[in-house]
Amino acid sequence: MENVVLIIHLLLALALIGVVLMQRSEGGGLGMGGGGGAVSGRAAATALTRVTWILAGAFICTSIALTVIAANNSASSSVFDRLGTQAPAAEETAPVLPGAGDSLLPPSEGDNAPLVPRAD
């Protein structure tokens, strides 16, 4: 179901882009003249505006539908909840920093060496 709505959503997006690009620029905001193009006349402009509104409404509806579908498919717990419930295995060891070696470990009882990292 999600794939069908997603395909419809993508087709609506492409159709909406095409219809918007076919419309005549009224303000000349990009510096282009409003000369006679492929679409001229008030009836064609009204039809394109109506098609744009219909496609935009359908695009918003499919966006909401995809959001609802994704929310229903998601898990009821958050990622942080799932990470907190998994205990690490007993064989796992703590990661070692590169170049740290044993110089960061506390000294043993008989060792009087200071706690200074070695320069490798």
PDB file of N, CA and C in Angstrom:
ATOM      1  N   MET A   1       0.827  -1.200   0.000  1.00  0.00           N
ATOM      2  CA  MET A   1       0.000   0.000   0.000  1.00  0.00           C
ATOM      3  C   MET A   1       0.865   1.255   0.000  1.00  0.00           C
ATOM      4  N   GLU A   2       1.927   1.197   0.812  1.00  0.00           N
ATOM      5  CA  GLU A   2       2.805   2.360   0.899  1.00  0.00           C
ATOM      6  C   GLU A   2       3.481   2.643  -0.446  1.00  0.00           C
ATOM      7  N   ASN A   3       3.870   1.590  -1.153  1.00  0.00           N
ATOM      8  CA  ASN A   3       4.522   1.778  -2.451  1.00  0.00           C
ATOM      9  C   ASN A   3       3.580   2.396  -3.475  1.00  0.00           C
ATOM     10  N   VAL A   4       2.320   2.009  -3.445  1.00  0.00           N
ATOM     11  CA  VAL A   4       1.341   2.558  -4.391  1.00  0.00           C
ATOM     12  C   VAL A   4       1.150   4.055  -4.131  1.00  0.00           C
ATOM     13  N   VAL A   5       0.993   4.418  -2.857  1.00  0.00           N
ATOM     14  CA  VAL A   5       0.807   5.836  -2.520  1.00  0.00           C
ATOM     15  C   VAL A   5       2.064   6.623  -2.860  1.00  0.00           C
ATOM     16  N   LEU A   6       3.232   6.010  -2.647  1.00  0.00           N
ATOM     17  CA  LEU A   6       4.487   6.697  -2.964  1.00  0.00           C
ATOM     18  C   LEU A   6       4.629   6.934  -4.466  1.00  0.00           C
ATOM     19  N   ILE A   7       4.258   5.967  -5.272  1.00  0.00           N
ATOM     20  CA  ILE A   7       4.334   6.139  -6.737  1.00  0.00           C
ATOM     21  C   ILE A   7       3.355   7.221  -7.189  1.00  0.00           C
ATOM     22  N   ILE A   8       2.139   7.201  -6.643  1.00  0.00           N
ATOM     23  CA  ILE A   8       1.166   8.256  -6.975  1.00  0.00           C
ATOM     24  C   ILE A   8       1.698   9.616  -6.554  1.00  0.00           C
ATOM     25  N   HIS A   9       2.337   9.664  -5.388  1.00  0.00           N
ATOM     26  CA  HIS A   9       2.904  10.908  -4.874  1.00  0.00           C
ATOM     27  C   HIS A   9       3.974  11.450  -5.825  1.00  0.00           C
ATOM     28  N   LEU A  10       4.851  10.573  -6.289  1.00  0.00           N
ATOM     29  CA  LEU A  10       5.907  11.004  -7.217  1.00  0.00           C
ATOM     30  C   LEU A  10       5.336  11.459  -8.559  1.00  0.00           C
ATOM     31  N   LEU A  11       4.326  10.744  -9.061  1.00  0.00           N
ATOM     32  CA  LEU A  11       3.696  11.161 -10.317  1.00  0.00           C
ATOM     33  C   LEU A  11       3.000  12.511 -10.166  1.00  0.00           C
ATOM     34  N   LEU A  12       2.348  12.720  -9.027  1.00  0.00           N
ATOM     35  CA  LEU A  12       1.718  14.026  -8.774  1.00  0.00           C
ATOM     36  C   LEU A  12       2.759  15.136  -8.711  1.00  0.00           C
ATOM     37  N   ALA A  13       3.905  14.852  -8.095  1.00  0.00           N
ATOM     38  CA  ALA A  13       4.958  15.859  -8.005  1.00  0.00           C
ATOM     39  C   ALA A  13       5.463  16.237  -9.390  1.00  0.00           C
ATOM     40  N   LEU A  14       5.694  15.241 -10.234  1.00  0.00           N
ATOM     41  CA  LEU A  14       6.156  15.532 -11.596  1.00  0.00           C
ATOM     42  C   LEU A  14       5.098  16.291 -12.399  1.00  0.00           C
ATOM     43  N   ALA A  15       3.838  15.896 -12.267  1.00  0.00           N
ATOM     44  CA  ALA A  15       2.759  16.592 -12.979  1.00  0.00           C
ATOM     45  C   ALA A  15       2.621  18.027 -12.484  1.00  0.00           C
ATOM     46  N   LEU A  16       2.754  18.222 -11.186  1.00  0.00           N
ATOM     47  CA  LEU A  16       2.656  19.568 -10.618  1.00  0.00           C
ATOM     48  C   LEU A  16       3.783  20.457 -11.120  1.00  0.00           C
ATOM     49  N   ILE A  17       4.981  19.906 -11.206  1.00  0.00           N
ATOM     50  CA  ILE A  17       6.108  20.673 -11.742  1.00  0.00           C
ATOM     51  C   ILE A  17       5.839  21.051 -13.189  1.00  0.00           C
ATOM     52  N   GLY A  18       5.355  20.100 -13.972  1.00  0.00           N
ATOM     53  CA  GLY A  18       5.076  20.378 -15.382  1.00  0.00           C
ATOM     54  C   GLY A  18       4.008  21.434 -15.579  1.00  0.00           C
ATOM     55  N   VAL A  19       2.926  21.355 -14.803  1.00  0.00           N
ATOM     56  CA  VAL A  19       1.833  22.320 -14.946  1.00  0.00           C
ATOM     57  C   VAL A  19       2.279  23.714 -14.509  1.00  0.00           C
ATOM     58  N   VAL A  20       3.060  23.785 -13.457  1.00  0.00           N
ATOM     59  CA  VAL A  20       3.538  25.101 -13.006  1.00  0.00           C
ATOM     60  C   VAL A  20       4.478  25.718 -14.042  1.00  0.00           C
ATOM     61  N   LEU A  21       5.310  24.893 -14.642  1.00  0.00           N
ATOM     62  CA  LEU A  21       6.220  25.425 -15.658  1.00  0.00           C
ATOM     63  C   LEU A  21       5.496  25.844 -16.939  1.00  0.00           C
ATOM     64  N   MET A  22       4.335  25.277 -17.222  1.00  0.00           N
ATOM     65  CA  MET A  22       3.580  25.658 -18.419  1.00  0.00           C
ATOM     66  C   MET A  22       2.844  26.981 -18.246  1.00  0.00           C
ATOM     67  N   GLN A  23       2.648  27.415 -17.010  1.00  0.00           N
ATOM     68  CA  GLN A  23       1.887  28.634 -16.795  1.00  0.00           C
ATOM     69  C   GLN A  23       2.684  29.860 -17.220  1.00  0.00           C
ATOM     70  N   ARG A  24       1.966  30.860 -17.601  1.00  0.00           N
ATOM     71  CA  ARG A  24       2.552  32.110 -18.068  1.00  0.00           C
ATOM     72  C   ARG A  24       2.967  32.944 -16.859  1.00  0.00           C
ATOM     73  N   SER A  25       4.145  33.534 -16.951  1.00  0.00           N
ATOM     74  CA  SER A  25       4.621  34.399 -15.885  1.00  0.00           C
ATOM     75  C   SER A  25       3.915  35.738 -15.987  1.00  0.00           C
ATOM     76  N   GLU A  26       3.214  36.126 -14.933  1.00  0.00           N
ATOM     77  CA  GLU A  26       2.463  37.376 -14.976  1.00  0.00           C
ATOM     78  C   GLU A  26       3.275  38.552 -14.496  1.00  0.00           C
ATOM     79  N   GLY A  27       4.193  38.312 -13.543  1.00  0.00           N
ATOM     80  CA  GLY A  27       4.930  39.426 -12.972  1.00  0.00           C
ATOM     81  C   GLY A  27       6.240  39.705 -13.667  1.00  0.00           C
ATOM     82  N   GLY A  28       6.729  38.783 -14.440  1.00  0.00           N
ATOM     83  CA  GLY A  28       8.031  38.972 -15.057  1.00  0.00           C
ATOM     84  C   GLY A  28       9.128  39.017 -14.013  1.00  0.00           C
ATOM     85  N   GLY A  29       8.991  38.211 -12.981  1.00  0.00           N
ATOM     86  CA  GLY A  29       9.931  38.228 -11.874  1.00  0.00           C
ATOM     87  C   GLY A  29      11.334  37.823 -12.267  1.00  0.00           C
ATOM     88  N   LEU A  30      11.498  37.030 -13.307  1.00  0.00           N
ATOM     89  CA  LEU A  30      12.824  36.624 -13.743  1.00  0.00           C
ATOM     90  C   LEU A  30      13.332  37.499 -14.885  1.00  0.00           C
ATOM     91  N   GLY A  31      12.650  38.555 -15.165  1.00  0.00           N
ATOM     92  CA  GLY A  31      13.087  39.462 -16.218  1.00  0.00           C
ATOM     93  C   GLY A  31      12.658  39.029 -17.599  1.00  0.00           C
ATOM     94  N   MET A  32      11.858  37.997 -17.702  1.00  0.00           N
ATOM     95  CA  MET A  32      11.396  37.532 -19.006  1.00  0.00           C
ATOM     96  C   MET A  32      10.118  38.262 -19.376  1.00  0.00           C
ATOM     97  N   GLY A  33       9.965  38.472 -20.620  1.00  0.00           N
ATOM     98  CA  GLY A  33       8.749  39.114 -21.097  1.00  0.00           C
ATOM     99  C   GLY A  33       7.583  38.148 -21.051  1.00  0.00           C
ATOM    100  N   GLY A  34       6.419  38.679 -21.027  1.00  0.00           N
ATOM    101  CA  GLY A  34       5.223  37.842 -20.983  1.00  0.00           C
ATOM    102  C   GLY A  34       4.645  37.638 -22.356  1.00  0.00           C
ATOM    103  N   GLY A  35       5.487  37.458 -23.341  1.00  0.00           N
ATOM    104  CA  GLY A  35       5.035  37.310 -24.716  1.00  0.00           C
ATOM    105  C   GLY A  35       4.196  36.076 -24.918  1.00  0.00           C
ATOM    106  N   GLY A  36       3.648  35.940 -26.096  1.00  0.00           N
ATOM    107  CA  GLY A  36       2.777  34.810 -26.407  1.00  0.00           C
ATOM    108  C   GLY A  36       3.561  33.515 -26.421  1.00  0.00           C
ATOM    109  N   GLY A  37       3.247  32.636 -25.523  1.00  0.00           N
ATOM    110  CA  GLY A  37       3.927  31.351 -25.452  1.00  0.00           C
ATOM    111  C   GLY A  37       3.025  30.261 -25.980  1.00  0.00           C
ATOM    112  N   ALA A  38       3.272  29.059 -25.531  1.00  0.00           N
ATOM    113  CA  ALA A  38       2.470  27.925 -25.973  1.00  0.00           C
ATOM    114  C   ALA A  38       1.051  28.021 -25.420  1.00  0.00           C
ATOM    115  N   VAL A  39       0.917  28.608 -24.245  1.00  0.00           N
ATOM    116  CA  VAL A  39      -0.397  28.749 -23.631  1.00  0.00           C
ATOM    117  C   VAL A  39      -0.718  30.233 -23.560  1.00  0.00           C
ATOM    118  N   SER A  40      -1.782  30.631 -24.192  1.00  0.00           N
ATOM    119  CA  SER A  40      -2.177  32.033 -24.116  1.00  0.00           C
ATOM    120  C   SER A  40      -3.696  32.102 -24.011  1.00  0.00           C
ATOM    121  N   GLY A  41      -4.160  33.216 -23.564  1.00  0.00           N
ATOM    122  CA  GLY A  41      -5.596  33.391 -23.401  1.00  0.00           C
ATOM    123  C   GLY A  41      -6.012  33.156 -21.964  1.00  0.00           C
ATOM    124  N   ARG A  42      -7.081  33.822 -21.592  1.00  0.00           N
ATOM    125  CA  ARG A  42      -7.546  33.766 -20.211  1.00  0.00           C
ATOM    126  C   ARG A  42      -8.140  32.402 -19.864  1.00  0.00           C
ATOM    127  N   ALA A  43      -8.805  31.735 -20.786  1.00  0.00           N
ATOM    128  CA  ALA A  43      -9.428  30.444 -20.501  1.00  0.00           C
ATOM    129  C   ALA A  43      -8.372  29.382 -20.209  1.00  0.00           C
ATOM    130  N   ALA A  44      -7.284  29.397 -20.959  1.00  0.00           N
ATOM    131  CA  ALA A  44      -6.216  28.428 -20.727  1.00  0.00           C
ATOM    132  C   ALA A  44      -5.536  28.682 -19.389  1.00  0.00           C
ATOM    133  N   ALA A  45      -5.353  29.952 -19.039  1.00  0.00           N
ATOM    134  CA  ALA A  45      -4.734  30.279 -17.758  1.00  0.00           C
ATOM    135  C   ALA A  45      -5.616  29.842 -16.598  1.00  0.00           C
ATOM    136  N   THR A  46      -6.917  30.006 -16.740  1.00  0.00           N
ATOM    137  CA  THR A  46      -7.840  29.577 -15.692  1.00  0.00           C
ATOM    138  C   THR A  46      -7.827  28.062 -15.558  1.00  0.00           C
ATOM    139  N   ALA A  47      -7.774  27.361 -16.680  1.00  0.00           N
ATOM    140  CA  ALA A  47      -7.741  25.896 -16.643  1.00  0.00           C
ATOM    141  C   ALA A  47      -6.452  25.403 -15.997  1.00  0.00           C
ATOM    142  N   LEU A  48      -5.324  26.017 -16.338  1.00  0.00           N
ATOM    143  CA  LEU A  48      -4.061  25.605 -15.736  1.00  0.00           C
ATOM    144  C   LEU A  48      -4.029  25.905 -14.243  1.00  0.00           C
ATOM    145  N   THR A  49      -4.621  27.021 -13.850  1.00  0.00           N
ATOM    146  CA  THR A  49      -4.679  27.352 -12.428  1.00  0.00           C
ATOM    147  C   THR A  49      -5.526  26.330 -11.682  1.00  0.00           C
ATOM    148  N   ARG A  50      -6.638  25.941 -12.271  1.00  0.00           N
ATOM    149  CA  ARG A  50      -7.514  24.955 -11.641  1.00  0.00           C
ATOM    150  C   ARG A  50      -6.808  23.601 -11.541  1.00  0.00           C
ATOM    151  N   VAL A  51      -6.107  23.192 -12.601  1.00  0.00           N
ATOM    152  CA  VAL A  51      -5.368  21.927 -12.576  1.00  0.00           C
ATOM    153  C   VAL A  51      -4.261  21.986 -11.529  1.00  0.00           C
ATOM    154  N   THR A  52      -3.607  23.147 -11.397  1.00  0.00           N
ATOM    155  CA  THR A  52      -2.553  23.299 -10.396  1.00  0.00           C
ATOM    156  C   THR A  52      -3.116  23.114  -8.992  1.00  0.00           C
ATOM    157  N   TRP A  53      -4.273  23.714  -8.719  1.00  0.00           N
ATOM    158  CA  TRP A  53      -4.892  23.579  -7.400  1.00  0.00           C
ATOM    159  C   TRP A  53      -5.291  22.135  -7.117  1.00  0.00           C
ATOM    160  N   ILE A  54      -5.811  21.459  -8.122  1.00  0.00           N
ATOM    161  CA  ILE A  54      -6.222  20.059  -7.937  1.00  0.00           C
ATOM    162  C   ILE A  54      -5.008  19.175  -7.667  1.00  0.00           C
ATOM    163  N   LEU A  55      -3.954  19.365  -8.464  1.00  0.00           N
ATOM    164  CA  LEU A  55      -2.743  18.572  -8.259  1.00  0.00           C
ATOM    165  C   LEU A  55      -2.098  18.878  -6.906  1.00  0.00           C
ATOM    166  N   ALA A  56      -2.107  20.149  -6.507  1.00  0.00           N
ATOM    167  CA  ALA A  56      -1.528  20.519  -5.218  1.00  0.00           C
ATOM    168  C   ALA A  56      -2.323  19.893  -4.067  1.00  0.00           C
ATOM    169  N   GLY A  57      -3.640  19.897  -4.175  1.00  0.00           N
ATOM    170  CA  GLY A  57      -4.466  19.265  -3.143  1.00  0.00           C
ATOM    171  C   GLY A  57      -4.220  17.771  -3.057  1.00  0.00           C
ATOM    172  N   ALA A  58      -4.123  17.118  -4.214  1.00  0.00           N
ATOM    173  CA  ALA A  58      -3.853  15.682  -4.228  1.00  0.00           C
ATOM    174  C   ALA A  58      -2.458  15.385  -3.679  1.00  0.00           C
ATOM    175  N   PHE A  59      -1.487  16.252  -3.974  1.00  0.00           N
ATOM    176  CA  PHE A  59      -0.122  16.088  -3.468  1.00  0.00           C
ATOM    177  C   PHE A  59      -0.103  16.183  -1.941  1.00  0.00           C
ATOM    178  N   ILE A  60      -0.839  17.132  -1.393  1.00  0.00           N
ATOM    179  CA  ILE A  60      -0.901  17.283   0.065  1.00  0.00           C
ATOM    180  C   ILE A  60      -1.587  16.064   0.687  1.00  0.00           C
ATOM    181  N   CYS A  61      -2.647  15.571   0.050  1.00  0.00           N
ATOM    182  CA  CYS A  61      -3.343  14.389   0.573  1.00  0.00           C
ATOM    183  C   CYS A  61      -2.432  13.158   0.584  1.00  0.00           C
ATOM    184  N   THR A  62      -1.658  12.958  -0.483  1.00  0.00           N
ATOM    185  CA  THR A  62      -0.749  11.809  -0.501  1.00  0.00           C
ATOM    186  C   THR A  62       0.387  11.996   0.502  1.00  0.00           C
ATOM    187  N   SER A  63       0.806  13.244   0.737  1.00  0.00           N
ATOM    188  CA  SER A  63       1.828  13.499   1.753  1.00  0.00           C
ATOM    189  C   SER A  63       1.316  13.106   3.133  1.00  0.00           C
ATOM    190  N   ILE A  64       0.098  13.489   3.435  1.00  0.00           N
ATOM    191  CA  ILE A  64      -0.498  13.136   4.732  1.00  0.00           C
ATOM    192  C   ILE A  64      -0.699  11.628   4.826  1.00  0.00           C
ATOM    193  N   ALA A  65      -1.121  11.004   3.738  1.00  0.00           N
ATOM    194  CA  ALA A  65      -1.315   9.549   3.742  1.00  0.00           C
ATOM    195  C   ALA A  65       0.002   8.820   3.981  1.00  0.00           C
ATOM    196  N   LEU A  66       1.074   9.276   3.348  1.00  0.00           N
ATOM    197  CA  LEU A  66       2.381   8.656   3.572  1.00  0.00           C
ATOM    198  C   LEU A  66       2.851   8.844   5.006  1.00  0.00           C
ATOM    199  N   THR A  67       2.554   9.995   5.598  1.00  0.00           N
ATOM    200  CA  THR A  67       2.922  10.235   6.989  1.00  0.00           C
ATOM    201  C   THR A  67       2.165   9.303   7.917  1.00  0.00           C
ATOM    202  N   VAL A  68       0.870   9.114   7.678  1.00  0.00           N
ATOM    203  CA  VAL A  68       0.063   8.226   8.508  1.00  0.00           C
ATOM    204  C   VAL A  68       0.530   6.784   8.358  1.00  0.00           C
ATOM    205  N   ILE A  69       0.812   6.365   7.138  1.00  0.00           N
ATOM    206  CA  ILE A  69       1.285   5.000   6.907  1.00  0.00           C
ATOM    207  C   ILE A  69       2.625   4.773   7.603  1.00  0.00           C
ATOM    208  N   ALA A  70       3.535   5.728   7.502  1.00  0.00           N
ATOM    209  CA  ALA A  70       4.837   5.588   8.160  1.00  0.00           C
ATOM    210  C   ALA A  70       4.689   5.559   9.676  1.00  0.00           C
ATOM    211  N   ALA A  71       3.776   6.340  10.219  1.00  0.00           N
ATOM    212  CA  ALA A  71       3.560   6.336  11.666  1.00  0.00           C
ATOM    213  C   ALA A  71       2.975   5.008  12.134  1.00  0.00           C
ATOM    214  N   ASN A  72       2.115   4.412  11.343  1.00  0.00           N
ATOM    215  CA  ASN A  72       1.535   3.121  11.715  1.00  0.00           C
ATOM    216  C   ASN A  72       2.551   1.989  11.604  1.00  0.00           C
ATOM    217  N   ASN A  73       3.478   2.097  10.662  1.00  0.00           N
ATOM    218  CA  ASN A  73       4.476   1.046  10.473  1.00  0.00           C
ATOM    219  C   ASN A  73       5.623   1.147  11.466  1.00  0.00           C
ATOM    220  N   SER A  74       5.796   2.282  12.111  1.00  0.00           N
ATOM    221  CA  SER A  74       6.924   2.446  13.020  1.00  0.00           C
ATOM    222  C   SER A  74       6.666   1.688  14.313  1.00  0.00           C
ATOM    223  N   ALA A  75       7.727   1.418  15.030  1.00  0.00           N
ATOM    224  CA  ALA A  75       7.615   0.699  16.304  1.00  0.00           C
ATOM    225  C   ALA A  75       7.011   1.619  17.353  1.00  0.00           C
ATOM    226  N   SER A  76       6.414   1.013  18.365  1.00  0.00           N
ATOM    227  CA  SER A  76       5.774   1.817  19.400  1.00  0.00           C
ATOM    228  C   SER A  76       6.778   2.424  20.363  1.00  0.00           C
ATOM    229  N   SER A  77       7.986   1.885  20.417  1.00  0.00           N
ATOM    230  CA  SER A  77       9.002   2.447  21.301  1.00  0.00           C
ATOM    231  C   SER A  77      10.021   3.214  20.484  1.00  0.00           C
ATOM    232  N   SER A  78      10.749   4.068  21.157  1.00  0.00           N
ATOM    233  CA  SER A  78      11.752   4.862  20.457  1.00  0.00           C
ATOM    234  C   SER A  78      13.037   4.059  20.312  1.00  0.00           C
ATOM    235  N   VAL A  79      13.953   4.585  19.542  1.00  0.00           N
ATOM    236  CA  VAL A  79      15.240   3.931  19.329  1.00  0.00           C
ATOM    237  C   VAL A  79      16.002   3.852  20.645  1.00  0.00           C
ATOM    238  N   PHE A  80      15.910   4.896  21.466  1.00  0.00           N
ATOM    239  CA  PHE A  80      16.629   4.917  22.736  1.00  0.00           C
ATOM    240  C   PHE A  80      16.112   3.837  23.684  1.00  0.00           C
ATOM    241  N   ASP A  81      14.816   3.581  23.659  1.00  0.00           N
ATOM    242  CA  ASP A  81      14.264   2.520  24.496  1.00  0.00           C
ATOM    243  C   ASP A  81      14.783   1.161  24.065  1.00  0.00           C
ATOM    244  N   ARG A  82      14.869   0.941  22.768  1.00  0.00           N
ATOM    245  CA  ARG A  82      15.356  -0.345  22.274  1.00  0.00           C
ATOM    246  C   ARG A  82      16.840  -0.517  22.538  1.00  0.00           C
ATOM    247  N   LEU A  83      17.624   0.540  22.496  1.00  0.00           N
ATOM    248  CA  LEU A  83      19.053   0.430  22.780  1.00  0.00           C
ATOM    249  C   LEU A  83      19.301   0.139  24.248  1.00  0.00           C
ATOM    250  N   GLY A  84      18.495   0.679  25.136  1.00  0.00           N
ATOM    251  CA  GLY A  84      18.679   0.485  26.563  1.00  0.00           C
ATOM    252  C   GLY A  84      18.335  -0.917  27.019  1.00  0.00           C
ATOM    253  N   THR A  85      17.495  -1.645  26.307  1.00  0.00           N
ATOM    254  CA  THR A  85      17.074  -2.974  26.736  1.00  0.00           C
ATOM    255  C   THR A  85      18.047  -4.057  26.314  1.00  0.00           C
ATOM    256  N   GLN A  86      18.922  -3.795  25.375  1.00  0.00           N
ATOM    257  CA  GLN A  86      19.848  -4.815  24.907  1.00  0.00           C
ATOM    258  C   GLN A  86      21.106  -4.778  25.765  1.00  0.00           C
ATOM    259  N   ALA A  87      21.390  -5.883  26.455  1.00  0.00           N
ATOM    260  CA  ALA A  87      22.595  -5.973  27.266  1.00  0.00           C
ATOM    261  C   ALA A  87      23.736  -6.474  26.392  1.00  0.00           C
ATOM    262  N   PRO A  88      24.934  -5.942  26.599  1.00  0.00           N
ATOM    263  CA  PRO A  88      26.056  -6.422  25.793  1.00  0.00           C
ATOM    264  C   PRO A  88      26.426  -7.849  26.167  1.00  0.00           C
ATOM    265  N   ALA A  89      26.987  -8.557  25.232  1.00  0.00           N
ATOM    266  CA  ALA A  89      27.382  -9.939  25.464  1.00  0.00           C
ATOM    267  C   ALA A  89      28.561  -9.987  26.426  1.00  0.00           C
ATOM    268  N   ALA A  90      28.722 -11.118  27.142  1.00  0.00           N
ATOM    269  CA  ALA A  90      29.776 -11.249  28.139  1.00  0.00           C
ATOM    270  C   ALA A  90      31.151 -11.272  27.492  1.00  0.00           C
ATOM    271  N   GLU A  91      31.268 -11.758  26.254  1.00  0.00           N
ATOM    272  CA  GLU A  91      32.565 -11.837  25.601  1.00  0.00           C
ATOM    273  C   GLU A  91      33.080 -10.492  25.106  1.00  0.00           C
ATOM    274  N   GLU A  92      32.202  -9.542  24.970  1.00  0.00           N
ATOM    275  CA  GLU A  92      32.607  -8.252  24.419  1.00  0.00           C
ATOM    276  C   GLU A  92      33.514  -7.526  25.396  1.00  0.00           C
ATOM    277  N   THR A  93      34.517  -6.866  24.841  1.00  0.00           N
ATOM    278  CA  THR A  93      35.425  -6.070  25.657  1.00  0.00           C
ATOM    279  C   THR A  93      35.231  -4.611  25.323  1.00  0.00           C
ATOM    280  N   ALA A  94      35.696  -3.772  26.208  1.00  0.00           N
ATOM    281  CA  ALA A  94      35.576  -2.337  25.978  1.00  0.00           C
ATOM    282  C   ALA A  94      36.510  -1.935  24.851  1.00  0.00           C
ATOM    283  N   PRO A  95      36.123  -0.958  24.025  1.00  0.00           N
ATOM    284  CA  PRO A  95      37.002  -0.525  22.939  1.00  0.00           C
ATOM    285  C   PRO A  95      38.267   0.126  23.489  1.00  0.00           C
ATOM    286  N   VAL A  96      39.365  -0.096  22.802  1.00  0.00           N
ATOM    287  CA  VAL A  96      40.651   0.459  23.208  1.00  0.00           C
ATOM    288  C   VAL A  96      40.969   1.638  22.318  1.00  0.00           C
ATOM    289  N   LEU A  97      41.381   2.735  22.921  1.00  0.00           N
ATOM    290  CA  LEU A  97      41.760   3.906  22.151  1.00  0.00           C
ATOM    291  C   LEU A  97      43.065   3.638  21.421  1.00  0.00           C
ATOM    292  N   PRO A  98      43.219   4.139  20.202  1.00  0.00           N
ATOM    293  CA  PRO A  98      44.471   3.912  19.479  1.00  0.00           C
ATOM    294  C   PRO A  98      45.627   4.579  20.202  1.00  0.00           C
ATOM    295  N   GLY A  99      46.694   3.847  20.380  1.00  0.00           N
ATOM    296  CA  GLY A  99      47.892   4.391  21.014  1.00  0.00           C
ATOM    297  C   GLY A  99      47.802   4.459  22.525  1.00  0.00           C
ATOM    298  N   ALA A 100      46.687   4.004  23.114  1.00  0.00           N
ATOM    299  CA  ALA A 100      46.548   4.107  24.562  1.00  0.00           C
ATOM    300  C   ALA A 100      47.343   3.026  25.260  1.00  0.00           C
ATOM    301  N   GLY A 101      47.300   1.821  24.750  1.00  0.00           N
ATOM    302  CA  GLY A 101      48.044   0.726  25.355  1.00  0.00           C
ATOM    303  C   GLY A 101      47.668   0.542  26.810  1.00  0.00           C
ATOM    304  N   ASP A 102      48.671   0.210  27.634  1.00  0.00           N
ATOM    305  CA  ASP A 102      48.404   0.015  29.051  1.00  0.00           C
ATOM    306  C   ASP A 102      48.817   1.222  29.866  1.00  0.00           C
ATOM    307  N   SER A 103      49.199   2.324  29.227  1.00  0.00           N
ATOM    308  CA  SER A 103      49.688   3.483  29.959  1.00  0.00           C
ATOM    309  C   SER A 103      48.581   4.222  30.696  1.00  0.00           C
ATOM    310  N   LEU A 104      47.338   3.986  30.363  1.00  0.00           N
ATOM    311  CA  LEU A 104      46.246   4.680  31.028  1.00  0.00           C
ATOM    312  C   LEU A 104      45.658   3.872  32.171  1.00  0.00           C
ATOM    313  N   LEU A 105      46.165   2.654  32.385  1.00  0.00           N
ATOM    314  CA  LEU A 105      45.652   1.826  33.461  1.00  0.00           C
ATOM    315  C   LEU A 105      46.267   2.266  34.782  1.00  0.00           C
ATOM    316  N   PRO A 106      45.532   2.126  35.875  1.00  0.00           N
ATOM    317  CA  PRO A 106      46.134   2.479  37.171  1.00  0.00           C
ATOM    318  C   PRO A 106      47.258   1.510  37.518  1.00  0.00           C
ATOM    319  N   PRO A 107      48.217   1.973  38.275  1.00  0.00           N
ATOM    320  CA  PRO A 107      49.347   1.087  38.604  1.00  0.00           C
ATOM    321  C   PRO A 107      48.911  -0.030  39.549  1.00  0.00           C
ATOM    322  N   SER A 108      49.614  -1.141  39.456  1.00  0.00           N
ATOM    323  CA  SER A 108      49.337  -2.235  40.382  1.00  0.00           C
ATOM    324  C   SER A 108      49.919  -1.900  41.747  1.00  0.00           C
ATOM    325  N   GLU A 109      49.681  -2.749  42.748  1.00  0.00           N
ATOM    326  CA  GLU A 109      50.090  -2.423  44.114  1.00  0.00           C
ATOM    327  C   GLU A 109      51.592  -2.251  44.253  1.00  0.00           C
ATOM    328  N   GLY A 110      52.382  -3.043  43.580  1.00  0.00           N
ATOM    329  CA  GLY A 110      53.830  -2.957  43.710  1.00  0.00           C
ATOM    330  C   GLY A 110      54.446  -1.955  42.758  1.00  0.00           C
ATOM    331  N   ASP A 111      53.675  -1.331  41.915  1.00  0.00           N
ATOM    332  CA  ASP A 111      54.202  -0.412  40.910  1.00  0.00           C
ATOM    333  C   ASP A 111      54.153   1.005  41.445  1.00  0.00           C
ATOM    334  N   ASN A 112      55.291   1.691  41.445  1.00  0.00           N
ATOM    335  CA  ASN A 112      55.355   3.067  41.921  1.00  0.00           C
ATOM    336  C   ASN A 112      55.483   4.061  40.780  1.00  0.00           C
ATOM    337  N   ALA A 113      55.266   3.621  39.540  1.00  0.00           N
ATOM    338  CA  ALA A 113      55.405   4.500  38.381  1.00  0.00           C
ATOM    339  C   ALA A 113      54.260   5.510  38.356  1.00  0.00           C
ATOM    340  N   PRO A 114      54.540   6.755  37.934  1.00  0.00           N
ATOM    341  CA  PRO A 114      53.463   7.751  37.858  1.00  0.00           C
ATOM    342  C   PRO A 114      52.499   7.427  36.720  1.00  0.00           C
ATOM    343  N   LEU A 115      51.306   7.994  36.806  1.00  0.00           N
ATOM    344  CA  LEU A 115      50.291   7.809  35.781  1.00  0.00           C
ATOM    345  C   LEU A 115      50.484   8.823  34.666  1.00  0.00           C
ATOM    346  N   VAL A 116      51.441   8.587  33.814  1.00  0.00           N
ATOM    347  CA  VAL A 116      51.737   9.483  32.710  1.00  0.00           C
ATOM    348  C   VAL A 116      51.653   8.659  31.427  1.00  0.00           C
ATOM    349  N   PRO A 117      50.903   9.134  30.429  1.00  0.00           N
ATOM    350  CA  PRO A 117      50.821   8.365  29.167  1.00  0.00           C
ATOM    351  C   PRO A 117      52.171   8.314  28.480  1.00  0.00           C
ATOM    352  N   ARG A 118      52.421   7.172  27.858  1.00  0.00           N
ATOM    353  CA  ARG A 118      53.656   7.011  27.107  1.00  0.00           C
ATOM    354  C   ARG A 118      53.540   7.702  25.765  1.00  0.00           C
ATOM    355  N   ALA A 119      54.658   8.185  25.261  1.00  0.00           N
ATOM    356  CA  ALA A 119      54.710   8.747  23.913  1.00  0.00           C
ATOM    357  C   ALA A 119      55.190   7.642  22.992  1.00  0.00           C
ATOM    358  N   ASP A 120      54.304   7.096  22.173  1.00  0.00           N
ATOM    359  CA  ASP A 120      54.665   5.991  21.276  1.00  0.00           C
ATOM    360  C   ASP A 120      55.225   6.516  19.992  1.00  0.00           C
TER     361      ASP A 120
END
